[in-house]
Amino acid sequence: MYIYNVTINIEEDVEKDWLRWMQEKHIPEMLATGKFSEAKLCQVMVEEAQGITYSIQYTTDSKETLEKYYNENAKQLRQEGVSLFKEKFVAFRTELKVINHVKNFVKS
């Protein structure tokens, strides 16, 4: 399992519009590619000098599927955010390989 993590620092004056766009349009479009099984939108709880920072984590089954996303979908899906929010954000992307995933189950 892999996580495609996108960390974004967005300027406060467009944050609400960006959050709405992410939740209503961009994340659903990412999932609609069929290459990701889930997405988590998280606010990074560290105070930055400017803007507000978020992490969006998309889970995928393999490095090969992630490569297909890069080759088939990434350019188009990234372009809309650039067009809408222009110079109001900075983004960087990381790939994470999940080594161990443990869930805590409480016995009744």
C-alpha atoms as a PDB file:
ATOM      1  CA  MET A   1       0.000   0.000   0.000  1.00  0.00           C
ATOM      2  CA  TYR A   2       1.195   3.514  -0.833  1.00  0.00           C
ATOM      3  CA  ILE A   3       0.093   6.962   0.252  1.00  0.00           C
ATOM      4  CA  TYR A   4       0.368   9.865  -2.142  1.00  0.00           C
ATOM      5  CA  ASN A   5       0.663  12.863   0.171  1.00  0.00           C
ATOM      6  CA  VAL A   6       0.120  16.424  -1.029  1.00  0.00           C
ATOM      7  CA  THR A   7       1.021  19.150   1.458  1.00  0.00           C
ATOM      8  CA  ILE A   8      -0.345  22.583   0.637  1.00  0.00           C
ATOM      9  CA  ASN A   9       0.136  25.956   2.279  1.00  0.00           C
ATOM     10  CA  ILE A  10      -2.768  28.163   1.202  1.00  0.00           C
ATOM     11  CA  GLU A  11      -3.202  31.876   1.802  1.00  0.00           C
ATOM     12  CA  GLU A  12      -5.924  32.731   4.302  1.00  0.00           C
ATOM     13  CA  ASP A  13      -7.922  34.972   1.936  1.00  0.00           C
ATOM     14  CA  VAL A  14      -8.743  32.008  -0.353  1.00  0.00           C
ATOM     15  CA  GLU A  15      -8.727  29.189   2.212  1.00  0.00           C
ATOM     16  CA  LYS A  16     -12.524  28.780   2.437  1.00  0.00           C
ATOM     17  CA  ASP A  17     -12.949  28.693  -1.335  1.00  0.00           C
ATOM     18  CA  TRP A  18     -10.030  26.268  -1.645  1.00  0.00           C
ATOM     19  CA  LEU A  19     -11.449  23.944   1.044  1.00  0.00           C
ATOM     20  CA  ARG A  20     -14.859  23.895  -0.652  1.00  0.00           C
ATOM     21  CA  TRP A  21     -13.243  23.169  -4.037  1.00  0.00           C
ATOM     22  CA  MET A  22     -11.095  20.392  -2.540  1.00  0.00           C
ATOM     23  CA  GLN A  23     -14.005  18.678  -0.791  1.00  0.00           C
ATOM     24  CA  GLU A  24     -16.673  19.122  -3.448  1.00  0.00           C
ATOM     25  CA  LYS A  25     -14.644  18.795  -6.653  1.00  0.00           C
ATOM     26  CA  HIS A  26     -10.952  17.902  -6.508  1.00  0.00           C
ATOM     27  CA  ILE A  27     -10.926  15.021  -4.013  1.00  0.00           C
ATOM     28  CA  PRO A  28     -13.982  13.370  -5.649  1.00  0.00           C
ATOM     29  CA  GLU A  29     -12.253  13.704  -9.048  1.00  0.00           C
ATOM     30  CA  MET A  30      -9.083  12.134  -7.668  1.00  0.00           C
ATOM     31  CA  LEU A  31     -11.077   9.187  -6.305  1.00  0.00           C
ATOM     32  CA  ALA A  32     -13.024   8.921  -9.580  1.00  0.00           C
ATOM     33  CA  THR A  33      -9.794   8.049 -11.408  1.00  0.00           C
ATOM     34  CA  GLY A  34     -10.122   4.626  -9.776  1.00  0.00           C
ATOM     35  CA  LYS A  35      -6.497   4.783  -8.686  1.00  0.00           C
ATOM     36  CA  PHE A  36      -7.090   5.688  -5.030  1.00  0.00           C
ATOM     37  CA  SER A  37      -9.213   3.856  -2.472  1.00  0.00           C
ATOM     38  CA  GLU A  38      -9.556   6.693   0.028  1.00  0.00           C
ATOM     39  CA  ALA A  39      -8.519  10.244   0.799  1.00  0.00           C
ATOM     40  CA  LYS A  40      -7.911  12.057   4.075  1.00  0.00           C
ATOM     41  CA  LEU A  41      -7.903  15.842   4.295  1.00  0.00           C
ATOM     42  CA  CYS A  42      -5.973  17.006   7.354  1.00  0.00           C
ATOM     43  CA  GLN A  43      -5.001  20.400   8.695  1.00  0.00           C
ATOM     44  CA  VAL A  44      -1.360  20.537   9.767  1.00  0.00           C
ATOM     45  CA  MET A  45      -1.344  21.810  13.330  1.00  0.00           C
ATOM     46  CA  VAL A  46       1.864  23.818  13.169  1.00  0.00           C
ATOM     47  CA  GLU A  47       1.736  27.581  13.047  1.00  0.00           C
ATOM     48  CA  GLU A  48       3.360  28.909   9.904  1.00  0.00           C
ATOM     49  CA  ALA A  49       4.494  32.465   9.318  1.00  0.00           C
ATOM     50  CA  GLN A  50       1.914  32.816   6.551  1.00  0.00           C
ATOM     51  CA  GLY A  51      -1.101  30.859   5.376  1.00  0.00           C
ATOM     52  CA  ILE A  52      -2.622  27.613   6.589  1.00  0.00           C
ATOM     53  CA  THR A  53      -1.170  24.196   5.842  1.00  0.00           C
ATOM     54  CA  TYR A  54      -3.087  21.054   4.869  1.00  0.00           C
ATOM     55  CA  SER A  55      -2.098  17.493   4.036  1.00  0.00           C
ATOM     56  CA  ILE A  56      -4.194  15.409   1.685  1.00  0.00           C
ATOM     57  CA  GLN A  57      -3.385  11.701   1.785  1.00  0.00           C
ATOM     58  CA  TYR A  58      -4.570   9.468  -1.038  1.00  0.00           C
ATOM     59  CA  THR A  59      -4.234   5.709  -0.506  1.00  0.00           C
ATOM     60  CA  THR A  60      -3.380   3.469  -3.452  1.00  0.00           C
ATOM     61  CA  ASP A  61      -2.585  -0.212  -3.815  1.00  0.00           C
ATOM     62  CA  SER A  62       0.809  -0.048  -5.503  1.00  0.00           C
ATOM     63  CA  LYS A  63       3.637   2.023  -6.927  1.00  0.00           C
ATOM     64  CA  GLU A  64       2.493   0.939 -10.399  1.00  0.00           C
ATOM     65  CA  THR A  65      -0.994   2.390  -9.835  1.00  0.00           C
ATOM     66  CA  LEU A  66       0.554   5.618  -8.596  1.00  0.00           C
ATOM     67  CA  GLU A  67       2.699   5.772 -11.743  1.00  0.00           C
ATOM     68  CA  LYS A  68      -0.464   5.328 -13.845  1.00  0.00           C
ATOM     69  CA  TYR A  69      -1.982   8.303 -12.020  1.00  0.00           C
ATOM     70  CA  TYR A  70       1.082  10.411 -12.827  1.00  0.00           C
ATOM     71  CA  ASN A  71       0.998   9.386 -16.496  1.00  0.00           C
ATOM     72  CA  GLU A  72      -2.766   9.492 -17.085  1.00  0.00           C
ATOM     73  CA  ASN A  73      -4.318  12.019 -14.689  1.00  0.00           C
ATOM     74  CA  ALA A  74      -1.905  14.200 -12.724  1.00  0.00           C
ATOM     75  CA  LYS A  75      -1.338  17.007 -15.212  1.00  0.00           C
ATOM     76  CA  GLN A  76      -5.035  17.604 -15.844  1.00  0.00           C
ATOM     77  CA  LEU A  77      -6.092  17.363 -12.192  1.00  0.00           C
ATOM     78  CA  ARG A  78      -3.338  19.686 -10.975  1.00  0.00           C
ATOM     79  CA  GLN A  79      -4.069  22.313 -13.635  1.00  0.00           C
ATOM     80  CA  GLU A  80      -7.485  23.351 -12.302  1.00  0.00           C
ATOM     81  CA  GLY A  81      -6.077  24.203  -8.864  1.00  0.00           C
ATOM     82  CA  VAL A  82      -3.318  26.247 -10.460  1.00  0.00           C
ATOM     83  CA  SER A  83      -5.880  28.085 -12.609  1.00  0.00           C
ATOM     84  CA  LEU A  84      -8.233  28.810  -9.717  1.00  0.00           C
ATOM     85  CA  PHE A  85      -5.772  29.690  -6.968  1.00  0.00           C
ATOM     86  CA  LYS A  86      -2.771  30.857  -9.030  1.00  0.00           C
ATOM     87  CA  GLU A  87      -0.044  32.186  -6.741  1.00  0.00           C
ATOM     88  CA  LYS A  88      -2.053  31.765  -3.534  1.00  0.00           C
ATOM     89  CA  PHE A  89      -0.575  28.398  -2.582  1.00  0.00           C
ATOM     90  CA  VAL A  90       2.578  26.343  -2.434  1.00  0.00           C
ATOM     91  CA  ALA A  91       2.412  22.555  -2.753  1.00  0.00           C
ATOM     92  CA  PHE A  92       4.815  19.692  -2.409  1.00  0.00           C
ATOM     93  CA  ARG A  93       4.192  16.015  -2.907  1.00  0.00           C
ATOM     94  CA  THR A  94       5.635  12.922  -1.266  1.00  0.00           C
ATOM     95  CA  GLU A  95       5.145   9.202  -1.726  1.00  0.00           C
ATOM     96  CA  LEU A  96       4.903   7.026   1.360  1.00  0.00           C
ATOM     97  CA  LYS A  97       5.222   3.250   1.360  1.00  0.00           C
ATOM     98  CA  VAL A  98       3.169   1.737   4.171  1.00  0.00           C
ATOM     99  CA  ILE A  99       5.274  -0.750   6.114  1.00  0.00           C
ATOM    100  CA  ASN A 100       2.750  -1.682   8.770  1.00  0.00           C
ATOM    101  CA  HIS A 101      -0.887  -0.693   9.279  1.00  0.00           C
ATOM    102  CA  VAL A 102      -2.305  -1.550  12.703  1.00  0.00           C
ATOM    103  CA  LYS A 103      -5.859  -0.942  13.802  1.00  0.00           C
ATOM    104  CA  ASN A 104      -6.877  -0.860  17.427  1.00  0.00           C
ATOM    105  CA  PHE A 105      -9.864  -3.077  18.088  1.00  0.00           C
ATOM    106  CA  VAL A 106     -11.470  -2.811  21.501  1.00  0.00           C
ATOM    107  CA  LYS A 107     -12.797  -6.086  22.838  1.00  0.00           C
ATOM    108  CA  SER A 108     -16.320  -6.005  24.257  1.00  0.00           C
END
